[in-house]
Amino acid sequence: MFRALRPVPARPTGTVRTCVLLVLLAGTGIAILELVREQTGTPGFFVGLGLALLPVAPLMAAFRWLGRAAPAPWSQLLFCFAWGACTAALIAILANNFATQWIAAATADPSEADQLGSVAIAPVVEESAKAAALLLVFMFRRRHFTGPADGFVVAGFTAIGFAFTENILYLGNAFVQDLADGTGVLDSVTAATFFVRIVLSPFAHPLFTVLTGLGFGAAAVSARRTRRIFLPLLGLALAMGMHALWNGSSRFGDHGFYVVYSCVMVPLFGLLVWLAVRIRRGRLRAVAGELALYAAAGWLAPAEVPALASMPARSLARSLARRSGGRAAGRAVARYEADAVALALLRNRARRGGLLREADFAGRERELLDRLWRRRATAGPALARAAVMEELLPPCVDPSEPIRLSEPFRPSESAAGPAGPAGLPGPRRQEPSVRRSGPWTPATPAGPSSIRPCVLPGADGVR
C-alpha cells in the first residue's frame, strides 16, 4: 500500500503577488490619508500636502540620476515610494502612538514618554518599516538588485515617500497651531517647520535609509551566506543609530541640533554623495570591461562599448534614433542599452560570486543576447554615431567599417568566453563579417572584418 503524498501548495505567481501588494498599498494609502487628515484637519492637510510636495521631485531626480547607469524599472521605484508613503508611514504612526501611550501610562510622565519614544522607539519602528520594502525587492526582484547602487536608489525612493507623508503631518499641525494663535507668516511655526524639514534637512530620511540600502546592496554581490544576512542587519542598525542621534539632538542643549547637523549630518551627507558618484562610475567601468569581452567575440561592435559606458553617449544615441526613426526607434535603442548593461552586470556578478550565485547564468545570458540581436540593426549605428560625436573612440577605430556579427547564443554549443569566469559559457567563434548597408540581414557575408585591432577605452573612457 502506498500512502498518498501530501499536496504541496502552489507558490504564488508574480501576478498574484502584484495584486496582493497593490491591494495592501491601496488600503494603507486610504488609511494613512484619513489618519493624517483627522490629525491636521482638512485645511492643514492641504497646506501640508502642498508644501511637502516641493522636495519630492528634486530628490527623486537625484536618486534616479545615480541609478541611470543601470536603471531600475519605474514600477519598482514607484512601489518603493508608495510603500514608504503609505505602508511604512501607517505602521510608524500606529506603533509610535501605541508605544508613547504605553510609556506614558507606565511612567506617568507624558513629556518624558514623548522624548523616549522619539529617541528609542521611533528610529527602530520607522527604519524597520522602510527596510521591509528593500527586503521585498531583494527577495522577489533580485534580477534588478545587483549591487550597492540599486540599494542606494531603492532606499532613497522608499525614504522620500516616508518623509513626504511625515512632512504633511508636521506642516499641517504647524499650520493649525498658527491659525489658532493668529501668528504672522514670518513668525509662524509653519515657516520654522518648513525651514528645518524642507530647506535644511530634506535628505535626513533618505540618508538614514540609504545605510540600510547599502547593506542590502553589499549582500547582493556577496558570495558568503553569513555576509548576506549580516550586512543588511548592520546597515539597518547604523540607520537606526543615526536616526536616534538626529531625533535626540535637541537634548544636547540649546545648540544641540545645530551641532549634530553641522558636525554629523552634513559630513555624512557629503560622504554619501561622494560614495554615490564613485559607485556610479564603478558600475560604468564594469559595463565597459564586461562588454569589451562580447565585442572581442563579435557580439558588439567596438564603437558600441565606450558609448554604452557613457551616459551622455547613451542619451545622444536615443536622441539620434528618435530623430531618424521616430519614437519606436528611440525605445528600441533604450531597450538595447538596458539589456546590454544588464548583460554586463550579470557577467560581472558571476565573475565575482561564481556560478553558484548565478545558477541561471546561461539561460539569462542567452535571453539578453537574443534581445540584443533583434534590436542591433537599429541601435548599433546610433551608438556608433554617438561614440563618434562624443569623441569616445581611439583613432584606430573607424565606425564606418564592417562590424562582426554572429548567430544567437546557444549555451550547449559554446566554449568559455575570452577572459571570462571559469565555467561560464561565452559567445561562439566569430562568423564572417557583415557590411552594414541598410537593414541588417545575417545572410549577407562580406568577407573578413577590416576593423583594425586596438585597445578600446575601458576604465579611462567612462563618463
Protein backbone atom coordinates (compact mmCIF):
# COMPACT_ATOMS: atom_id res chain seq x y z
CA MET A 1 0.00 0.00 0.00
CA PHE A 2 1.24 3.43 -0.89
CA ARG A 3 0.32 6.42 1.20
CA ALA A 4 -0.98 9.41 -0.69
CA LEU A 5 1.54 12.19 -0.78
CA ARG A 6 0.62 15.38 1.00
CA PRO A 7 -0.28 18.03 -1.59
CA VAL A 8 2.32 20.77 -1.92
CA PRO A 9 0.76 24.26 -2.05
CA ALA A 10 1.49 26.11 -5.25
CA ARG A 11 3.85 29.06 -4.96
CA PRO A 12 2.12 32.39 -5.62
CA THR A 13 2.78 33.69 -9.12
CA GLY A 14 4.10 37.13 -9.90
CA THR A 15 0.60 38.32 -10.84
CA VAL A 16 -0.82 37.18 -7.50
CA ARG A 17 1.98 38.89 -5.57
CA THR A 18 1.47 42.08 -7.55
CA CYS A 19 -2.27 42.10 -6.86
CA VAL A 20 -1.70 41.49 -3.15
CA LEU A 21 0.81 44.35 -2.95
CA LEU A 22 -1.48 46.72 -4.85
CA VAL A 23 -4.37 45.94 -2.50
CA LEU A 24 -2.08 46.42 0.50
CA LEU A 25 -0.76 49.75 -0.78
CA ALA A 26 -4.25 50.98 -1.64
CA GLY A 27 -5.64 50.02 1.77
CA THR A 28 -2.79 51.55 3.74
CA GLY A 29 -2.85 54.64 1.49
CA ILE A 30 -6.51 55.32 2.23
CA ALA A 31 -5.94 54.67 5.93
CA ILE A 32 -2.91 56.97 6.24
CA LEU A 33 -4.61 59.80 4.32
CA GLU A 34 -7.63 59.68 6.58
CA LEU A 35 -5.47 59.41 9.71
CA VAL A 36 -3.35 62.42 8.75
CA ARG A 37 -6.43 64.44 7.78
CA GLU A 38 -8.01 63.71 11.18
CA GLN A 39 -4.89 64.93 12.99
CA THR A 40 -4.33 68.06 10.90
CA GLY A 41 -7.85 68.97 9.78
CA THR A 42 -8.77 69.49 6.16
CA PRO A 43 -7.13 72.96 5.74
CA GLY A 44 -3.96 71.82 7.47
CA PHE A 45 -3.87 68.65 5.37
CA PHE A 46 -3.94 70.51 2.05
CA VAL A 47 -1.40 73.11 3.19
CA GLY A 48 0.92 70.37 4.42
CA LEU A 49 0.40 68.39 1.23
CA GLY A 50 1.33 71.35 -0.98
CA LEU A 51 4.46 72.19 1.00
CA ALA A 52 5.56 68.56 1.38
CA LEU A 53 5.44 68.05 -2.40
CA LEU A 54 8.18 70.63 -3.04
CA PRO A 55 11.28 68.47 -2.30
CA VAL A 56 9.89 65.23 -3.75
CA ALA A 57 10.72 65.80 -7.43
CA PRO A 58 14.32 67.06 -6.87
CA LEU A 59 15.11 64.18 -4.52
CA MET A 60 13.65 61.62 -6.95
CA ALA A 61 15.67 63.12 -9.79
CA ALA A 62 18.88 62.92 -7.73
CA PHE A 63 18.41 59.24 -6.86
CA ARG A 64 17.28 58.42 -10.39
CA TRP A 65 20.46 60.02 -11.72
CA LEU A 66 22.51 57.69 -9.56
CA GLY A 67 20.69 54.64 -10.92
CA ARG A 68 20.76 55.66 -14.59
CA ALA A 69 23.88 53.58 -15.23
CA ALA A 70 21.61 50.51 -14.88
CA PRO A 71 18.12 51.95 -14.41
CA ALA A 72 15.59 50.04 -12.34
CA PRO A 73 12.03 49.80 -13.67
CA TRP A 74 9.85 52.75 -12.75
CA SER A 75 7.23 50.34 -11.42
CA GLN A 76 9.73 49.11 -8.82
CA LEU A 77 10.73 52.63 -7.78
CA LEU A 78 7.12 53.79 -7.54
CA PHE A 79 6.32 50.75 -5.41
CA CYS A 80 9.12 51.74 -3.03
CA PHE A 81 7.86 55.33 -2.87
CA ALA A 82 4.29 54.16 -2.24
CA TRP A 83 5.45 51.72 0.43
CA GLY A 84 7.28 54.47 2.27
CA ALA A 85 4.45 56.99 1.92
CA CYS A 86 1.60 54.59 2.78
CA THR A 87 2.50 51.30 4.46
CA ALA A 88 5.65 52.32 6.34
CA ALA A 89 4.14 55.63 7.44
CA LEU A 90 0.97 53.94 8.73
CA ILE A 91 2.98 51.33 10.64
CA ALA A 92 5.18 54.04 12.14
CA ILE A 93 2.31 56.30 13.26
CA LEU A 94 0.33 53.48 14.84
CA ALA A 95 3.34 51.85 16.53
CA ASN A 96 4.80 55.15 17.78
CA ASN A 97 1.47 56.29 19.21
CA PHE A 98 0.93 52.96 20.94
CA ALA A 99 4.46 52.91 22.39
CA THR A 100 4.27 56.52 23.58
CA GLN A 101 0.92 55.93 25.30
CA TRP A 102 2.21 52.78 26.95
CA ILE A 103 5.35 54.54 28.23
CA ALA A 104 3.28 57.49 29.48
CA ALA A 105 0.94 55.14 31.37
CA ALA A 106 3.86 53.24 32.87
CA THR A 107 5.87 56.31 33.92
CA ALA A 108 3.06 58.84 34.47
CA ASP A 109 5.21 61.42 32.68
CA PRO A 110 3.89 62.28 29.18
CA SER A 111 6.77 64.63 28.32
CA GLU A 112 9.38 62.01 29.16
CA ALA A 113 7.37 59.44 27.20
CA ASP A 114 7.46 61.67 24.10
CA GLN A 115 11.23 62.16 24.35
CA LEU A 116 11.93 58.49 24.99
CA GLY A 117 9.62 57.47 22.17
CA SER A 118 11.30 59.78 19.66
CA VAL A 119 14.81 58.55 20.54
CA ALA A 120 14.32 54.86 21.39
CA ILE A 121 11.10 53.76 19.70
CA ALA A 122 10.64 55.84 16.53
CA PRO A 123 14.03 55.06 14.93
CA VAL A 124 13.57 51.31 15.38
CA VAL A 125 9.98 51.26 14.13
CA GLU A 126 10.43 53.66 11.21
CA GLU A 127 13.67 52.22 9.86
CA SER A 128 12.34 48.67 10.15
CA ALA A 129 9.15 49.62 8.31
CA LYS A 130 11.15 51.24 5.50
CA ALA A 131 13.59 48.32 5.36
CA ALA A 132 10.66 45.99 4.65
CA ALA A 133 10.37 47.47 1.14
CA LEU A 134 14.07 46.80 0.50
CA LEU A 135 13.67 43.24 1.75
CA LEU A 136 10.75 42.61 -0.63
CA VAL A 137 12.71 43.92 -3.61
CA PHE A 138 15.78 41.97 -2.53
CA MET A 139 13.80 38.72 -2.28
CA PHE A 140 11.45 38.93 -5.26
CA ARG A 141 13.26 41.25 -7.71
CA ARG A 142 16.85 40.06 -7.40
CA ARG A 143 17.31 40.50 -11.13
CA HIS A 144 17.06 44.26 -10.60
CA PHE A 145 19.00 44.29 -7.30
CA THR A 146 22.58 43.90 -8.50
CA GLY A 147 24.71 45.90 -6.09
CA PRO A 148 25.12 48.91 -3.79
CA ALA A 149 23.84 51.35 -6.43
CA ASP A 150 20.48 49.57 -6.56
CA GLY A 151 20.31 49.52 -2.76
CA PHE A 152 21.07 53.23 -2.76
CA VAL A 153 18.25 54.04 -5.19
CA VAL A 154 15.61 51.72 -3.72
CA ALA A 155 16.31 53.01 -0.20
CA GLY A 156 16.20 56.61 -1.40
CA PHE A 157 12.78 56.29 -3.05
CA THR A 158 11.36 54.50 -0.01
CA ALA A 159 12.63 57.20 2.35
CA ILE A 160 11.37 60.01 0.09
CA GLY A 161 7.88 58.55 0.30
CA PHE A 162 8.06 58.21 4.08
CA ALA A 163 9.37 61.75 4.55
CA PHE A 164 6.63 63.06 2.25
CA THR A 165 3.84 61.72 4.49
CA GLU A 166 5.64 62.75 7.67
CA ASN A 167 6.10 66.29 6.34
CA ILE A 168 2.37 66.54 5.60
CA LEU A 169 1.67 65.69 9.23
CA TYR A 170 4.22 68.09 10.74
CA LEU A 171 3.46 71.01 8.43
CA GLY A 172 -0.29 70.50 8.70
CA ASN A 173 -0.18 70.51 12.50
CA ALA A 174 2.02 73.61 12.47
CA PHE A 175 -0.46 75.41 10.22
CA VAL A 176 -3.37 74.52 12.52
CA GLN A 177 -1.41 75.84 15.51
CA ASP A 178 -0.67 79.11 13.69
CA LEU A 179 -4.35 79.52 12.84
CA ALA A 180 -5.28 79.06 16.49
CA ASP A 181 -2.62 81.52 17.68
CA GLY A 182 -3.11 84.08 14.91
CA THR A 183 0.65 84.15 14.21
CA GLY A 184 2.06 86.05 11.23
CA VAL A 185 3.67 84.21 8.36
CA LEU A 186 7.30 85.07 9.10
CA ASP A 187 6.98 84.31 12.82
CA SER A 188 4.84 81.22 12.33
CA VAL A 189 5.55 77.66 13.39
CA THR A 190 4.77 76.64 9.81
CA ALA A 191 7.64 78.74 8.45
CA ALA A 192 10.06 77.37 11.07
CA THR A 193 8.98 73.79 10.38
CA PHE A 194 9.29 74.33 6.63
CA PHE A 195 12.79 75.76 7.04
CA VAL A 196 14.02 72.88 9.20
CA ARG A 197 12.38 69.96 7.38
CA ILE A 198 12.24 71.13 3.75
CA VAL A 199 15.17 73.56 3.42
CA LEU A 200 17.78 72.34 5.93
CA SER A 201 17.21 68.59 6.07
CA PRO A 202 15.17 67.18 3.17
CA PHE A 203 17.85 64.49 2.92
CA ALA A 204 17.53 63.27 6.53
CA HIS A 205 15.28 60.24 6.00
CA PRO A 206 16.99 59.24 2.71
CA LEU A 207 20.37 59.48 4.47
CA PHE A 208 19.27 57.09 7.24
CA THR A 209 17.65 54.52 4.95
CA VAL A 210 20.48 54.60 2.42
CA LEU A 211 22.66 52.95 5.08
CA THR A 212 20.24 50.02 5.08
CA GLY A 213 20.20 50.04 1.28
CA LEU A 214 23.98 49.83 1.14
CA GLY A 215 23.84 46.80 3.42
CA PHE A 216 21.39 45.05 1.09
CA GLY A 217 23.43 46.11 -1.95
CA ALA A 218 26.63 44.68 -0.48
CA ALA A 219 24.75 41.47 0.36
CA ALA A 220 23.59 41.19 -3.26
CA VAL A 221 27.17 40.82 -4.51
CA SER A 222 28.48 38.76 -1.59
CA ALA A 223 29.18 35.07 -2.10
CA ARG A 224 29.02 34.14 1.61
CA ARG A 225 25.69 33.36 3.22
CA THR A 226 26.71 34.85 6.56
CA ARG A 227 27.53 38.18 4.91
CA ARG A 228 24.23 38.19 3.04
CA ILE A 229 22.48 38.04 6.40
CA PHE A 230 24.85 40.17 8.46
CA LEU A 231 25.36 43.13 6.10
CA PRO A 232 21.68 44.18 5.82
CA LEU A 233 21.33 43.92 9.59
CA LEU A 234 24.44 46.03 10.06
CA GLY A 235 23.10 48.67 7.67
CA LEU A 236 19.76 48.68 9.47
CA ALA A 237 21.48 49.09 12.85
CA LEU A 238 23.51 52.04 11.54
CA ALA A 239 20.35 53.64 10.13
CA MET A 240 18.61 53.29 13.48
CA GLY A 241 21.59 54.76 15.30
CA MET A 242 21.81 57.79 13.00
CA HIS A 243 18.06 58.31 13.26
CA ALA A 244 18.19 58.16 17.05
CA LEU A 245 21.08 60.66 17.13
CA TRP A 246 19.15 63.04 14.89
CA ASN A 247 15.95 62.79 16.94
CA GLY A 248 17.85 63.22 20.20
CA SER A 249 19.91 66.22 19.07
CA SER A 250 17.58 68.63 20.88
CA ARG A 251 18.54 67.01 24.20
CA PHE A 252 22.17 68.10 23.82
CA GLY A 253 21.46 71.67 24.85
CA ASP A 254 20.17 74.76 23.11
CA HIS A 255 22.53 74.33 20.18
CA GLY A 256 22.47 70.54 20.07
CA PHE A 257 20.50 70.44 16.83
CA TYR A 258 22.97 72.70 15.01
CA VAL A 259 25.97 70.78 16.39
CA VAL A 260 24.63 67.42 15.20
CA TYR A 261 23.55 68.93 11.89
CA SER A 262 26.89 70.58 11.11
CA CYS A 263 29.25 68.01 12.64
CA VAL A 264 27.47 64.75 11.76
CA MET A 265 24.69 65.12 9.20
CA VAL A 266 26.39 67.41 6.69
CA PRO A 267 29.72 65.48 6.65
CA LEU A 268 27.88 62.17 6.36
CA PHE A 269 25.75 63.59 3.55
CA GLY A 270 28.89 64.70 1.71
CA LEU A 271 30.49 61.28 2.24
CA LEU A 272 27.45 59.50 0.82
CA VAL A 273 27.31 61.83 -2.19
CA TRP A 274 30.98 61.05 -2.89
CA LEU A 275 30.28 57.34 -2.45
CA ALA A 276 27.27 57.53 -4.77
CA VAL A 277 29.32 59.13 -7.55
CA ARG A 278 32.09 56.58 -7.03
CA ILE A 279 29.62 53.68 -7.19
CA ARG A 280 28.10 55.08 -10.36
CA ARG A 281 31.48 55.39 -12.05
CA GLY A 282 32.47 51.93 -10.87
CA ARG A 283 29.34 50.46 -12.40
CA LEU A 284 30.08 52.16 -15.73
CA ARG A 285 33.64 50.80 -15.62
CA ALA A 286 32.26 47.31 -15.02
CA VAL A 287 29.94 47.74 -18.02
CA ALA A 288 32.88 48.80 -20.22
CA GLY A 289 35.08 45.92 -19.07
CA GLU A 290 32.50 43.16 -19.47
CA LEU A 291 31.07 44.37 -22.78
CA ALA A 292 34.61 44.55 -24.20
CA LEU A 293 34.66 40.74 -23.95
CA TYR A 294 31.49 40.45 -26.01
CA ALA A 295 32.84 42.97 -28.52
CA ALA A 296 36.05 40.94 -28.87
CA ALA A 297 33.94 37.86 -29.62
CA GLY A 298 31.83 39.68 -32.20
CA TRP A 299 28.60 40.23 -30.29
CA LEU A 300 29.00 44.02 -30.26
CA ALA A 301 30.76 46.49 -32.50
CA PRO A 302 33.86 48.05 -30.92
CA ALA A 303 32.27 51.52 -31.09
CA GLU A 304 29.30 50.38 -29.01
CA VAL A 305 31.33 49.60 -25.88
CA PRO A 306 32.50 53.14 -25.00
CA ALA A 307 29.08 54.50 -25.98
CA LEU A 308 27.30 52.09 -23.62
CA ALA A 309 29.74 53.05 -20.83
CA SER A 310 28.99 56.77 -21.23
CA MET A 311 25.71 58.29 -20.04
CA PRO A 312 25.91 61.29 -22.44
CA ALA A 313 26.55 58.94 -25.36
CA ARG A 314 23.59 56.75 -24.43
CA SER A 315 21.30 59.78 -24.28
CA LEU A 316 22.67 61.05 -27.59
CA ALA A 317 22.13 57.65 -29.24
CA ARG A 318 18.47 57.63 -28.18
CA SER A 319 18.06 61.15 -29.49
CA LEU A 320 19.66 60.26 -32.84
CA ALA A 321 17.43 57.21 -33.18
CA ARG A 322 14.27 59.20 -32.43
CA ARG A 323 15.31 61.85 -34.91
CA SER A 324 15.82 59.37 -37.73
CA GLY A 325 13.34 56.60 -36.91
CA GLY A 326 10.73 58.09 -34.58
CA ARG A 327 9.75 57.11 -31.07
CA ALA A 328 9.81 53.39 -31.83
CA ALA A 329 13.50 53.60 -32.81
CA GLY A 330 14.27 55.60 -29.67
CA ARG A 331 12.58 52.99 -27.49
CA ALA A 332 14.46 50.21 -29.29
CA VAL A 333 17.80 51.91 -28.54
CA ALA A 334 16.78 52.47 -24.90
CA ARG A 335 15.91 48.78 -24.50
CA TYR A 336 19.11 47.76 -26.24
CA GLU A 337 21.12 49.88 -23.82
CA ALA A 338 19.27 48.45 -20.81
CA ASP A 339 19.77 44.87 -21.99
CA ALA A 340 23.46 45.45 -22.73
CA VAL A 341 24.03 46.88 -19.26
CA ALA A 342 22.06 44.02 -17.67
CA LEU A 343 24.22 41.54 -19.61
CA ALA A 344 27.44 43.20 -18.45
CA LEU A 345 26.36 43.28 -14.80
CA LEU A 346 25.14 39.67 -14.99
CA ARG A 347 28.57 38.51 -16.15
CA ASN A 348 30.27 40.75 -13.60
CA ARG A 349 28.26 39.23 -10.74
CA ALA A 350 29.00 35.72 -11.96
CA ARG A 351 32.70 36.55 -12.23
CA ARG A 352 32.79 37.86 -8.66
CA GLY A 353 30.42 35.44 -6.95
CA GLY A 354 30.80 32.27 -9.00
CA LEU A 355 28.27 30.17 -10.84
CA LEU A 356 26.56 29.11 -7.63
CA ARG A 357 25.40 32.72 -7.21
CA GLU A 358 24.16 32.85 -10.81
CA ALA A 359 22.68 29.39 -11.34
CA ASP A 360 20.67 30.56 -14.36
CA PHE A 361 23.54 32.45 -15.94
CA ALA A 362 23.44 30.58 -19.27
CA GLY A 363 19.70 30.99 -19.74
CA ARG A 364 19.69 34.63 -18.70
CA GLU A 365 22.70 35.41 -20.91
CA ARG A 366 21.07 33.76 -23.91
CA GLU A 367 17.84 35.69 -23.31
CA LEU A 368 19.68 39.02 -23.18
CA LEU A 369 21.84 38.23 -26.22
CA ASP A 370 18.79 37.29 -28.26
CA ARG A 371 17.09 40.53 -27.29
CA LEU A 372 20.20 42.50 -28.23
CA TRP A 373 20.37 40.68 -31.54
CA ARG A 374 16.83 41.67 -32.50
CA ARG A 375 17.49 45.38 -31.94
CA ARG A 376 21.09 45.61 -33.07
CA ALA A 377 20.32 46.83 -36.60
CA THR A 378 18.64 49.90 -35.10
CA ALA A 379 20.75 50.51 -32.00
CA GLY A 380 24.24 49.70 -33.32
CA PRO A 381 24.54 52.57 -35.82
CA ALA A 382 23.03 55.06 -33.35
CA LEU A 383 25.50 54.09 -30.62
CA ALA A 384 28.44 54.14 -33.02
CA ARG A 385 27.47 57.60 -34.24
CA ALA A 386 27.07 58.79 -30.64
CA ALA A 387 30.54 57.47 -29.78
CA VAL A 388 31.99 59.47 -32.67
CA MET A 389 30.15 62.65 -31.72
CA GLU A 390 31.18 62.32 -28.07
CA GLU A 391 34.81 61.68 -29.12
CA LEU A 392 34.98 58.37 -27.26
CA LEU A 393 36.74 56.35 -29.95
CA PRO A 394 40.53 55.97 -30.29
CA PRO A 395 41.97 56.89 -33.69
CA CYS A 396 42.38 53.24 -34.72
CA VAL A 397 38.63 52.54 -34.80
CA ASP A 398 36.56 53.56 -37.80
CA PRO A 399 32.82 53.10 -37.13
CA SER A 400 32.11 53.11 -40.86
CA GLU A 401 34.00 49.81 -41.26
CA PRO A 402 32.11 46.49 -41.28
CA ILE A 403 31.03 45.10 -37.93
CA ARG A 404 31.32 41.49 -36.82
CA LEU A 405 28.16 39.57 -36.18
CA SER A 406 27.42 36.02 -35.09
CA GLU A 407 24.47 33.74 -34.54
CA PRO A 408 22.20 33.90 -31.49
CA PHE A 409 23.90 32.38 -28.47
CA ARG A 410 23.45 28.66 -27.75
CA PRO A 411 24.98 27.65 -24.40
CA SER A 412 25.24 23.97 -25.33
CA GLU A 413 27.42 24.73 -28.36
CA SER A 414 29.73 27.36 -26.85
CA ALA A 415 33.07 27.39 -25.16
CA ALA A 416 34.27 29.60 -22.35
CA GLY A 417 34.36 33.25 -23.32
CA PRO A 418 37.65 35.10 -23.57
CA ALA A 419 39.00 36.01 -20.13
CA GLY A 420 35.62 35.11 -18.67
CA PRO A 421 34.91 33.45 -15.33
CA ALA A 422 35.81 29.79 -15.12
CA GLY A 423 32.93 27.63 -16.29
CA LEU A 424 30.84 30.44 -17.72
CA PRO A 425 29.55 29.96 -21.26
CA GLY A 426 30.78 32.57 -23.69
CA PRO A 427 29.95 33.69 -27.22
CA ARG A 428 30.67 31.47 -30.19
CA ARG A 429 33.51 31.94 -32.60
CA GLN A 430 33.21 34.93 -34.88
CA GLU A 431 31.50 34.46 -38.21
CA PRO A 432 32.41 36.30 -41.40
CA SER A 433 31.60 39.97 -41.01
CA VAL A 434 28.57 41.64 -42.49
CA ARG A 435 28.72 45.03 -44.11
CA ARG A 436 26.20 47.41 -42.64
CA SER A 437 24.27 48.86 -45.58
CA GLY A 438 20.62 49.40 -44.83
CA PRO A 439 18.54 46.90 -42.81
CA TRP A 440 20.66 44.14 -41.35
CA THR A 441 20.28 40.59 -42.70
CA PRO A 442 22.53 37.82 -41.35
CA ALA A 443 22.80 36.04 -44.69
CA THR A 444 24.96 38.66 -46.50
CA PRO A 445 28.62 37.78 -45.83
CA ALA A 446 31.18 40.36 -46.90
CA GLY A 447 34.49 38.65 -46.22
CA PRO A 448 36.87 39.07 -43.29
CA SER A 449 36.40 42.00 -40.97
CA SER A 450 38.55 45.05 -41.69
CA ILE A 451 38.44 46.57 -38.24
CA ARG A 452 41.98 47.34 -37.16
CA PRO A 453 42.94 45.92 -33.75
CA CYS A 454 43.31 48.47 -30.99
CA VAL A 455 42.69 48.90 -27.28
CA LEU A 456 39.15 50.00 -26.51
CA PRO A 457 38.66 52.69 -23.86
CA GLY A 458 37.58 50.92 -20.71
CA ALA A 459 38.01 52.48 -17.31
CA ASP A 460 39.67 55.55 -18.77
CA GLY A 461 36.86 56.10 -21.26
CA VAL A 462 33.97 56.03 -18.79
CA ARG A 463 31.95 59.21 -18.45
